[in-house]
């Protein structure tokens, strides 16, 4: 299936499959319905309604893409069950979900650029280098990129979409649990060190979302730590047409 709806091609975009994309949609629907229940029980009917609408849109997307599979399938439960047993499919789902976390986080705080696009992080690295050079020349105290991206600037980040932030929080928790409970047990034993690093990075991503970390810190975790480690451990293939974008 090459014409998925709402799908953007970016650097570090992996060559996906029908199965992994459909399982990703199911996980996104599960997160939104989880929030419907949470917000409803908290008497937050406005947010509950918003998440219900998100779930409905994702369900439409799921139904459309199920019909595009070859051959078309109506048994999403079977597709999901098969995907949950395949380590490559699950690794692609993790990659997809962490990208979705970046999108939701960017929308929640009106970041103003595509956090899933690595070139934006490269541009920020160039800006940080310039700032470091200026600081060094001016006072002799160079700024560290690592120290800056780890700073929590909650007071400077304007939360403009609480619903997307809630989704990012739930997705970051769910995908960490799915890695621990579903993907890691199906991984090669001799990859223990890399799996420890991957689990640690997913935990850091969840913490970064919960503490409203800088967007640069989020991108660093995904593009420099999580995606490369997924590629290395599970032999994920990158798309050949990296850098192009499909229309939403």
Protein backbone atom coordinates (compact mmCIF):
# COMPACT_ATOMS: atom_id res chain seq x y z
CA UNK A 1 0.00 0.00 0.00
CA UNK A 2 1.83 3.09 -1.22
CA UNK A 3 -0.86 5.77 -0.90
CA UNK A 4 -1.64 5.89 2.79
CA UNK A 5 -3.69 8.84 3.87
CA UNK A 6 -2.08 11.46 6.16
CA UNK A 7 1.37 9.97 5.72
CA UNK A 8 4.48 12.14 5.32
CA UNK A 9 7.85 10.93 4.08
CA UNK A 10 10.76 12.24 6.11
CA UNK A 11 14.40 11.45 6.73
CA UNK A 12 14.40 8.42 9.04
CA UNK A 13 11.09 7.30 7.56
CA UNK A 14 11.22 3.55 7.34
CA UNK A 15 9.88 1.42 4.54
CA UNK A 16 6.57 0.40 6.05
CA UNK A 17 4.07 -2.39 5.43
CA UNK A 18 0.29 -2.68 5.29
CA UNK A 19 0.35 -4.59 8.54
CA UNK A 20 2.51 -2.12 10.47
CA UNK A 21 0.47 0.87 9.32
CA UNK A 22 -2.83 -0.74 10.28
CA UNK A 23 -1.50 -1.81 13.68
CA UNK A 24 -0.27 1.75 14.21
CA UNK A 25 -3.75 3.09 13.51
CA UNK A 26 -5.25 0.63 16.00
CA UNK A 27 -2.78 1.77 18.67
CA UNK A 28 -3.67 5.40 17.98
CA UNK A 29 -7.39 4.61 18.22
CA UNK A 30 -6.80 2.79 21.51
CA UNK A 31 -5.01 5.87 22.90
CA UNK A 32 -7.83 8.21 21.89
CA UNK A 33 -10.56 5.95 23.30
CA UNK A 34 -8.56 5.60 26.51
CA UNK A 35 -8.62 9.39 26.81
CA UNK A 36 -12.36 9.50 26.07
CA UNK A 37 -12.92 7.29 29.09
CA UNK A 38 -10.48 9.20 31.31
CA UNK A 39 -11.88 12.63 30.44
CA UNK A 40 -15.48 11.48 30.69
CA UNK A 41 -14.92 10.06 34.16
CA UNK A 42 -13.27 13.37 35.10
CA UNK A 43 -16.34 15.27 33.87
CA UNK A 44 -14.22 16.87 31.16
CA UNK A 45 -16.82 16.46 28.46
CA UNK A 46 -15.21 18.89 26.01
CA UNK A 47 -11.93 16.98 25.90
CA UNK A 48 -13.77 13.65 25.86
CA UNK A 49 -15.70 14.81 22.80
CA UNK A 50 -12.52 15.97 21.07
CA UNK A 51 -10.80 12.62 21.62
CA UNK A 52 -13.94 10.80 20.45
CA UNK A 53 -13.80 12.81 17.22
CA UNK A 54 -10.12 11.96 16.83
CA UNK A 55 -10.88 8.27 17.31
CA UNK A 56 -13.68 8.46 14.73
CA UNK A 57 -11.35 10.04 12.16
CA UNK A 58 -8.68 7.41 12.81
CA UNK A 59 -11.32 4.68 12.45
CA UNK A 60 -12.32 6.08 9.05
CA UNK A 61 -8.66 6.04 8.05
CA UNK A 62 -8.34 2.46 9.29
CA UNK A 63 -11.40 1.30 7.36
CA UNK A 64 -10.21 3.02 4.19
CA UNK A 65 -6.75 1.49 4.38
CA UNK A 66 -8.07 -1.97 5.19
CA UNK A 67 -9.90 -1.87 1.87
CA UNK A 68 -6.67 -0.88 0.09
CA UNK A 69 -4.81 -3.97 1.25
CA UNK A 70 -4.11 -6.66 -1.29
CA UNK A 71 -6.25 -8.67 -1.11
CA UNK A 72 -8.77 -6.48 0.78
CA UNK A 73 -9.41 -7.70 4.32
CA UNK A 74 -12.28 -7.16 6.72
CA UNK A 75 -10.69 -8.95 9.67
CA UNK A 76 -8.71 -6.24 11.47
CA UNK A 77 -8.49 -8.46 14.56
CA UNK A 78 -6.55 -11.04 12.56
CA UNK A 79 -4.25 -8.39 11.06
CA UNK A 80 -3.61 -6.92 14.51
CA UNK A 81 -2.94 -10.32 16.04
CA UNK A 82 -0.46 -11.21 13.30
CA UNK A 83 1.27 -7.86 13.65
CA UNK A 84 1.62 -8.24 17.41
CA UNK A 85 3.56 -11.47 16.84
CA UNK A 86 6.01 -10.04 14.28
CA UNK A 87 9.05 -8.21 15.65
CA UNK A 88 9.64 -6.22 12.45
CA UNK A 89 6.03 -5.07 12.36
CA UNK A 90 6.12 -4.09 16.04
CA UNK A 91 9.40 -2.19 15.54
CA UNK A 92 7.80 -0.22 12.70
CA UNK A 93 4.81 0.50 14.93
CA UNK A 94 7.13 1.89 17.61
CA UNK A 95 8.84 4.07 14.98
CA UNK A 96 5.47 5.30 13.71
CA UNK A 97 4.12 6.07 17.17
CA UNK A 98 7.17 8.04 18.32
CA UNK A 99 6.81 10.14 15.17
CA UNK A 100 3.15 10.69 16.04
CA UNK A 101 4.19 11.76 19.53
CA UNK A 102 6.39 14.44 17.96
CA UNK A 103 3.50 15.62 15.79
CA UNK A 104 1.08 15.81 18.70
CA UNK A 105 3.65 17.53 20.90
CA UNK A 106 4.44 20.06 18.18
CA UNK A 107 0.75 20.79 17.72
CA UNK A 108 0.14 21.01 21.46
CA UNK A 109 2.76 23.72 21.90
CA UNK A 110 2.46 25.37 18.46
CA UNK A 111 6.12 24.62 17.80
CA UNK A 112 5.89 26.04 14.29
CA UNK A 113 7.95 23.44 12.43
CA UNK A 114 7.73 19.74 11.67
CA UNK A 115 9.42 17.91 14.52
CA UNK A 116 9.45 14.65 12.51
CA UNK A 117 11.70 16.25 9.89
CA UNK A 118 15.36 15.76 10.81
CA UNK A 119 16.45 18.70 8.68
CA UNK A 120 14.75 21.00 11.19
CA UNK A 121 16.89 19.54 13.95
CA UNK A 122 19.99 20.07 11.81
CA UNK A 123 19.03 23.71 11.38
CA UNK A 124 18.67 24.05 15.14
CA UNK A 125 22.10 22.44 15.60
CA UNK A 126 23.58 25.10 13.33
CA UNK A 127 21.86 27.82 15.36
CA UNK A 128 23.13 26.28 18.61
CA UNK A 129 26.68 26.20 17.19
CA UNK A 130 26.42 29.88 16.33
CA UNK A 131 25.11 30.65 19.83
CA UNK A 132 27.95 28.62 21.35
CA UNK A 133 30.55 30.47 19.30
CA UNK A 134 29.06 33.82 20.22
CA UNK A 135 28.98 32.91 23.90
CA UNK A 136 32.58 31.68 23.77
CA UNK A 137 33.78 34.82 22.04
CA UNK A 138 31.83 37.07 24.38
CA UNK A 139 32.44 35.59 27.81
CA UNK A 140 34.62 32.54 27.44
CA UNK A 141 31.82 30.29 28.70
CA UNK A 142 30.62 28.08 25.87
CA UNK A 143 27.05 26.81 25.93
CA UNK A 144 26.54 23.07 25.79
CA UNK A 145 23.91 21.71 23.40
CA UNK A 146 23.23 18.79 25.70
CA UNK A 147 22.62 21.06 28.68
CA UNK A 148 20.34 23.32 26.67
CA UNK A 149 18.13 20.64 25.18
CA UNK A 150 17.61 19.05 28.58
CA UNK A 151 16.35 22.27 30.16
CA UNK A 152 12.67 22.35 31.02
CA UNK A 153 11.21 25.58 29.70
CA UNK A 154 7.62 24.96 30.69
CA UNK A 155 7.11 28.69 31.35
CA UNK A 156 8.18 29.53 27.80
CA UNK A 157 6.13 26.84 26.07
CA UNK A 158 2.56 27.94 25.45
CA UNK A 159 0.20 24.98 25.64
CA UNK A 160 -2.35 25.77 22.94
CA UNK A 161 -3.90 22.32 22.43
CA UNK A 162 -4.44 20.33 25.62
CA UNK A 163 -6.06 17.46 23.72
CA UNK A 164 -2.98 16.85 21.55
CA UNK A 165 -0.78 17.05 24.64
CA UNK A 166 -2.94 14.46 26.38
CA UNK A 167 -2.62 12.20 23.34
CA UNK A 168 1.17 12.60 23.29
CA UNK A 169 1.33 11.64 26.97
CA UNK A 170 -0.78 8.51 26.56
CA UNK A 171 1.06 7.42 23.40
CA UNK A 172 4.45 7.83 25.08
CA UNK A 173 3.34 5.67 28.01
CA UNK A 174 1.62 3.05 25.87
CA UNK A 175 4.46 2.64 23.37
CA UNK A 176 7.01 2.18 26.15
CA UNK A 177 4.81 -0.53 27.68
CA UNK A 178 4.28 -2.16 24.30
CA UNK A 179 8.02 -2.29 23.72
CA UNK A 180 8.61 -3.89 27.12
CA UNK A 181 5.72 -6.37 26.97
CA UNK A 182 5.41 -7.16 23.26
CA UNK A 183 8.51 -6.26 21.23
CA UNK A 184 11.39 -6.89 23.58
CA UNK A 185 10.39 -10.50 24.37
CA UNK A 186 10.44 -11.20 20.61
CA UNK A 187 13.89 -9.68 20.10
CA UNK A 188 17.26 -11.42 19.79
CA UNK A 189 18.89 -12.25 23.11
CA UNK A 190 22.30 -11.07 21.88
CA UNK A 191 20.90 -7.53 21.48
CA UNK A 192 20.42 -7.09 25.21
CA UNK A 193 22.68 -4.02 25.47
CA UNK A 194 20.97 -2.23 22.59
CA UNK A 195 17.54 -3.22 23.88
CA UNK A 196 18.41 -1.73 27.27
CA UNK A 197 19.38 1.51 25.53
CA UNK A 198 16.17 1.52 23.51
CA UNK A 199 14.01 0.89 26.56
CA UNK A 200 15.83 3.65 28.42
CA UNK A 201 15.31 6.09 25.53
CA UNK A 202 11.59 5.33 25.39
CA UNK A 203 11.41 5.97 29.12
CA UNK A 204 13.19 9.28 28.63
CA UNK A 205 10.75 10.20 25.86
CA UNK A 206 7.81 9.59 28.19
CA UNK A 207 9.49 11.70 30.87
CA UNK A 208 10.24 14.47 28.35
CA UNK A 209 6.57 14.64 27.37
CA UNK A 210 5.38 14.64 30.98
CA UNK A 211 7.80 17.42 31.99
CA UNK A 212 7.12 19.54 28.87
CA UNK A 213 10.72 19.37 27.65
CA UNK A 214 12.12 21.50 24.86
CA UNK A 215 11.14 20.35 21.34
CA UNK A 216 14.86 19.93 20.56
CA UNK A 217 15.17 17.41 23.39
CA UNK A 218 12.23 15.43 22.04
CA UNK A 219 13.68 15.40 18.53
CA UNK A 220 17.08 14.36 19.82
CA UNK A 221 15.60 11.37 21.61
CA UNK A 222 13.65 10.23 18.55
CA UNK A 223 16.02 11.01 15.67
CA UNK A 224 19.38 10.39 17.35
CA UNK A 225 18.53 7.63 19.79
CA UNK A 226 15.27 5.74 19.18
CA UNK A 227 15.01 5.57 15.37
CA UNK A 228 18.67 4.59 14.75
CA UNK A 229 18.50 1.93 17.46
CA UNK A 230 15.29 0.48 15.99
CA UNK A 231 16.96 0.38 12.59
CA UNK A 232 20.05 -1.32 13.96
CA UNK A 233 18.33 -3.96 16.10
CA UNK A 234 15.46 -4.85 13.75
CA UNK A 235 17.12 -4.24 10.35
CA UNK A 236 14.51 -1.69 9.30
CA UNK A 237 14.89 -0.34 5.79
CA UNK A 238 14.77 3.36 4.98
CA UNK A 239 12.63 4.65 2.16
CA UNK A 240 14.48 5.37 -1.05
CA UNK A 241 12.66 8.66 -1.69
CA UNK A 242 13.67 10.31 1.59
CA UNK A 243 13.00 14.02 1.66
CA UNK A 244 9.83 14.05 -0.41
CA UNK A 245 6.41 14.72 1.01
CA UNK A 246 3.06 13.30 0.08
CA UNK A 247 -0.01 15.46 0.31
CA UNK A 248 -2.14 15.08 3.40
